[in-house]
Amino acid sequence: MKNLVFTLIFIFPLIVTAIFITRIIKVDSKLELVKENPVLQGNFKKKLFIDKHASKRRVYFYLDNSGKHRYERNYRGFVTNWYVFGNSKQFENSDTLTFYREINQNKFDDEKISFFSLNNVNKNFSYYFDIFQFLKEKYFFVLLGIFIMYIFGAGWLIDQYGGITQLKMVGFIFFIDIIYLLLLLFW
């Protein structure tokens, strides 16, 4: 039983990663490349907008003057916030934007439509990382709950079987798992 518990502690981050990879593949299979001309909205002078918030950045643009087709993305994570902010400045007044969106997406009035991989035509690492950021934003509190349960559950199990002082290798891997899960949450 002890070995089974330690094996689960070791492979838990791999299980979380596998779940994320399957979700990324599922989202990727429903996306199409779009090349559109954004329009000015209201009294604004920019075609692409970056709103700054205390905890996240929001990037959005409009594709027609009615304002009903607003493409918007929220980005969570300290490093990702500054990456999006730095790279999106060059697109603010661009005449043509390329991005990926869901195929056959229903467009309701005043709906915020998600987009992926702004001005990146290739399906490379940043494309898949953008889908990961979208899924992380969508399931952030589920991931946070899993992370907290893992810390307390695995910590309690390690303590029951002798503690970190006796199980140094298990304690080291547990520490690496915590760092990995923190990176998933806040990158």
Protein backbone atom coordinates (compact mmCIF):
# COMPACT_ATOMS: atom_id res chain seq x y z
CA MET A 1 0.00 0.00 0.00
CA LYS A 2 2.86 2.34 0.83
CA ASN A 3 4.42 1.93 -2.62
CA LEU A 4 1.07 2.56 -4.32
CA VAL A 5 0.60 5.80 -2.39
CA PHE A 6 4.11 7.00 -3.26
CA THR A 7 3.60 6.07 -6.91
CA LEU A 8 0.42 8.19 -6.98
CA ILE A 9 2.31 11.09 -5.42
CA PHE A 10 5.00 10.76 -8.10
CA ILE A 11 2.66 10.54 -11.10
CA PHE A 12 0.01 13.05 -9.99
CA PRO A 13 1.56 15.98 -11.94
CA LEU A 14 1.78 13.72 -15.00
CA ILE A 15 -1.93 12.96 -14.69
CA VAL A 16 -2.78 16.68 -14.46
CA THR A 17 -0.54 17.36 -17.48
CA ALA A 18 -2.16 14.56 -19.51
CA ILE A 19 -5.63 15.96 -18.75
CA PHE A 20 -4.50 19.41 -19.92
CA ILE A 21 -2.96 18.01 -23.10
CA THR A 22 -6.19 16.20 -24.01
CA ARG A 23 -8.19 19.39 -23.40
CA ILE A 24 -5.73 21.40 -25.55
CA ILE A 25 -6.07 18.87 -28.38
CA LYS A 26 -9.85 19.03 -28.11
CA VAL A 27 -9.88 22.85 -28.33
CA ASP A 28 -7.32 22.79 -31.16
CA SER A 29 -9.49 20.48 -33.25
CA LYS A 30 -12.31 23.06 -33.22
CA LEU A 31 -10.28 26.10 -34.34
CA GLU A 32 -9.89 27.77 -37.72
CA LEU A 33 -7.51 30.47 -38.92
CA VAL A 34 -9.15 33.84 -39.60
CA LYS A 35 -7.74 36.97 -41.20
CA GLU A 36 -9.91 40.01 -40.44
CA ASN A 37 -9.79 43.78 -40.45
CA PRO A 38 -10.59 45.20 -37.00
CA VAL A 39 -12.60 48.43 -36.78
CA LEU A 40 -12.50 51.45 -34.50
CA GLN A 41 -15.16 51.43 -31.81
CA GLY A 42 -16.69 54.59 -30.38
CA ASN A 43 -14.23 57.42 -29.73
CA PHE A 44 -11.20 55.16 -29.54
CA LYS A 45 -8.17 55.68 -31.76
CA LYS A 46 -6.95 52.09 -31.60
CA LYS A 47 -8.19 48.95 -33.28
CA LEU A 48 -6.90 46.54 -30.66
CA PHE A 49 -7.30 47.29 -26.95
CA ILE A 50 -5.37 46.26 -23.87
CA ASP A 51 -7.17 46.89 -20.59
CA LYS A 52 -5.05 46.79 -17.47
CA HIS A 53 -6.50 45.28 -14.31
CA ALA A 54 -5.04 44.49 -10.92
CA SER A 55 -4.84 40.75 -11.56
CA LYS A 56 -5.08 40.27 -15.34
CA ARG A 57 -4.88 41.89 -18.72
CA ARG A 58 -7.67 41.83 -21.24
CA VAL A 59 -7.11 42.09 -24.99
CA TYR A 60 -10.08 42.78 -27.23
CA PHE A 61 -11.07 44.14 -30.64
CA TYR A 62 -14.20 44.55 -32.78
CA LEU A 63 -14.82 43.20 -36.26
CA ASP A 64 -17.82 45.35 -37.17
CA ASN A 65 -19.13 48.74 -36.14
CA SER A 66 -22.18 47.38 -34.36
CA GLY A 67 -20.07 46.26 -31.41
CA LYS A 68 -21.87 42.95 -31.20
CA HIS A 69 -18.89 40.93 -32.36
CA ARG A 70 -16.31 41.64 -29.72
CA TYR A 71 -13.36 39.28 -29.62
CA GLU A 72 -11.94 39.24 -26.10
CA ARG A 73 -9.41 37.29 -24.10
CA ASN A 74 -8.44 37.52 -20.44
CA TYR A 75 -4.93 36.48 -19.46
CA ARG A 76 -4.09 35.29 -15.96
CA GLY A 77 -0.58 34.90 -14.62
CA PHE A 78 2.16 37.39 -13.81
CA VAL A 79 4.60 36.44 -16.57
CA THR A 80 1.87 36.00 -19.18
CA ASN A 81 0.40 39.43 -18.36
CA TRP A 82 3.62 41.21 -19.25
CA TYR A 83 4.26 38.99 -22.28
CA VAL A 84 0.82 39.80 -23.71
CA PHE A 85 1.22 43.48 -22.89
CA GLY A 86 4.65 43.68 -24.55
CA ASN A 87 3.72 41.87 -27.75
CA SER A 88 0.25 43.33 -28.29
CA LYS A 89 1.40 46.95 -28.46
CA GLN A 90 2.65 46.43 -32.02
CA PHE A 91 -0.83 45.26 -33.14
CA GLU A 92 -2.90 48.14 -31.74
CA ASN A 93 -3.20 50.04 -35.02
CA SER A 94 -2.80 47.10 -37.36
CA ASP A 95 -5.07 46.96 -40.38
CA THR A 96 -5.22 43.16 -40.49
CA LEU A 97 -5.24 40.71 -37.60
CA THR A 98 -4.82 36.97 -37.93
CA PHE A 99 -6.08 34.72 -35.17
CA TYR A 100 -7.77 31.40 -34.54
CA ARG A 101 -11.39 31.09 -33.49
CA GLU A 102 -13.87 28.29 -33.00
CA ILE A 103 -15.38 26.83 -36.17
CA ASN A 104 -19.12 27.51 -36.60
CA GLN A 105 -19.25 29.59 -33.45
CA ASN A 106 -22.70 30.90 -32.56
CA LYS A 107 -22.61 34.67 -32.33
CA PHE A 108 -25.14 36.05 -29.90
CA ASP A 109 -25.70 39.73 -29.31
CA ASP A 110 -23.15 41.32 -26.97
CA GLU A 111 -21.21 38.06 -26.72
CA LYS A 112 -17.48 38.11 -26.05
CA ILE A 113 -15.92 35.66 -28.48
CA SER A 114 -12.61 34.04 -27.54
CA PHE A 115 -9.68 34.06 -29.93
CA PHE A 116 -6.29 32.39 -29.90
CA SER A 117 -2.75 33.09 -31.09
CA LEU A 118 -3.06 36.69 -32.21
CA ASN A 119 -1.01 37.38 -35.38
CA ASN A 120 0.61 33.96 -35.24
CA VAL A 121 -0.37 31.89 -38.27
CA ASN A 122 1.77 28.88 -37.36
CA LYS A 123 0.67 26.22 -34.92
CA ASN A 124 3.82 26.37 -32.85
CA PHE A 125 4.55 26.34 -29.12
CA SER A 126 3.09 29.80 -28.52
CA TYR A 127 -0.16 28.75 -30.24
CA TYR A 128 -0.58 25.74 -27.93
CA PHE A 129 0.57 27.77 -24.94
CA ASP A 130 -2.16 30.32 -25.73
CA ILE A 131 -4.78 27.55 -25.69
CA PHE A 132 -3.29 26.37 -22.38
CA GLN A 133 -3.65 29.90 -20.96
CA PHE A 134 -7.30 29.97 -22.06
CA LEU A 135 -7.99 26.62 -20.36
CA LYS A 136 -6.11 27.70 -17.26
CA GLU A 137 -8.26 30.85 -17.07
CA LYS A 138 -11.40 28.79 -17.53
CA TYR A 139 -10.54 26.14 -14.91
CA PHE A 140 -8.39 28.24 -12.55
CA PHE A 141 -10.38 27.61 -9.38
CA VAL A 142 -10.66 23.89 -10.12
CA LEU A 143 -6.87 23.77 -10.50
CA LEU A 144 -6.42 25.78 -7.33
CA GLY A 145 -8.66 23.32 -5.44
CA ILE A 146 -6.74 20.33 -6.84
CA PHE A 147 -3.46 21.97 -5.85
CA ILE A 148 -4.60 22.61 -2.27
CA MET A 149 -6.01 19.08 -1.93
CA TYR A 150 -2.76 17.64 -3.29
CA ILE A 151 -0.62 19.60 -0.82
CA PHE A 152 -2.66 18.58 2.21
CA GLY A 153 -3.46 15.03 1.06
CA ALA A 154 0.02 14.07 -0.10
CA GLY A 155 1.62 15.88 2.84
CA TRP A 156 -0.57 13.97 5.27
CA LEU A 157 0.21 10.63 3.57
CA ILE A 158 3.95 11.30 3.64
CA ASP A 159 3.65 12.20 7.32
CA GLN A 160 1.71 8.97 8.02
CA TYR A 161 4.45 6.84 6.46
CA GLY A 162 7.33 8.37 8.37
CA GLY A 163 7.63 12.01 7.36
CA ILE A 164 10.02 13.85 5.13
CA THR A 165 13.00 13.26 7.43
CA GLN A 166 12.82 9.49 6.82
CA LEU A 167 11.58 9.68 3.23
CA LYS A 168 13.96 12.27 1.79
CA MET A 169 13.52 11.23 -1.85
CA VAL A 170 9.71 11.28 -1.58
CA GLY A 171 9.92 14.69 0.12
CA PHE A 172 12.15 16.02 -2.66
CA ILE A 173 9.76 14.80 -5.39
CA PHE A 174 6.81 16.21 -3.44
CA PHE A 175 8.59 19.59 -3.35
CA ILE A 176 9.27 19.44 -7.12
CA ASP A 177 5.59 18.56 -7.72
CA ILE A 178 4.49 21.60 -5.72
CA ILE A 179 6.78 23.88 -7.76
CA TYR A 180 5.47 22.36 -11.01
CA LEU A 181 1.82 22.84 -10.00
CA LEU A 182 2.54 26.42 -8.92
CA LEU A 183 4.03 27.11 -12.35
CA LEU A 184 0.91 25.67 -13.99
CA LEU A 185 -1.28 27.95 -11.91
CA PHE A 186 0.55 31.25 -12.03
CA TRP A 187 2.75 31.28 -15.14
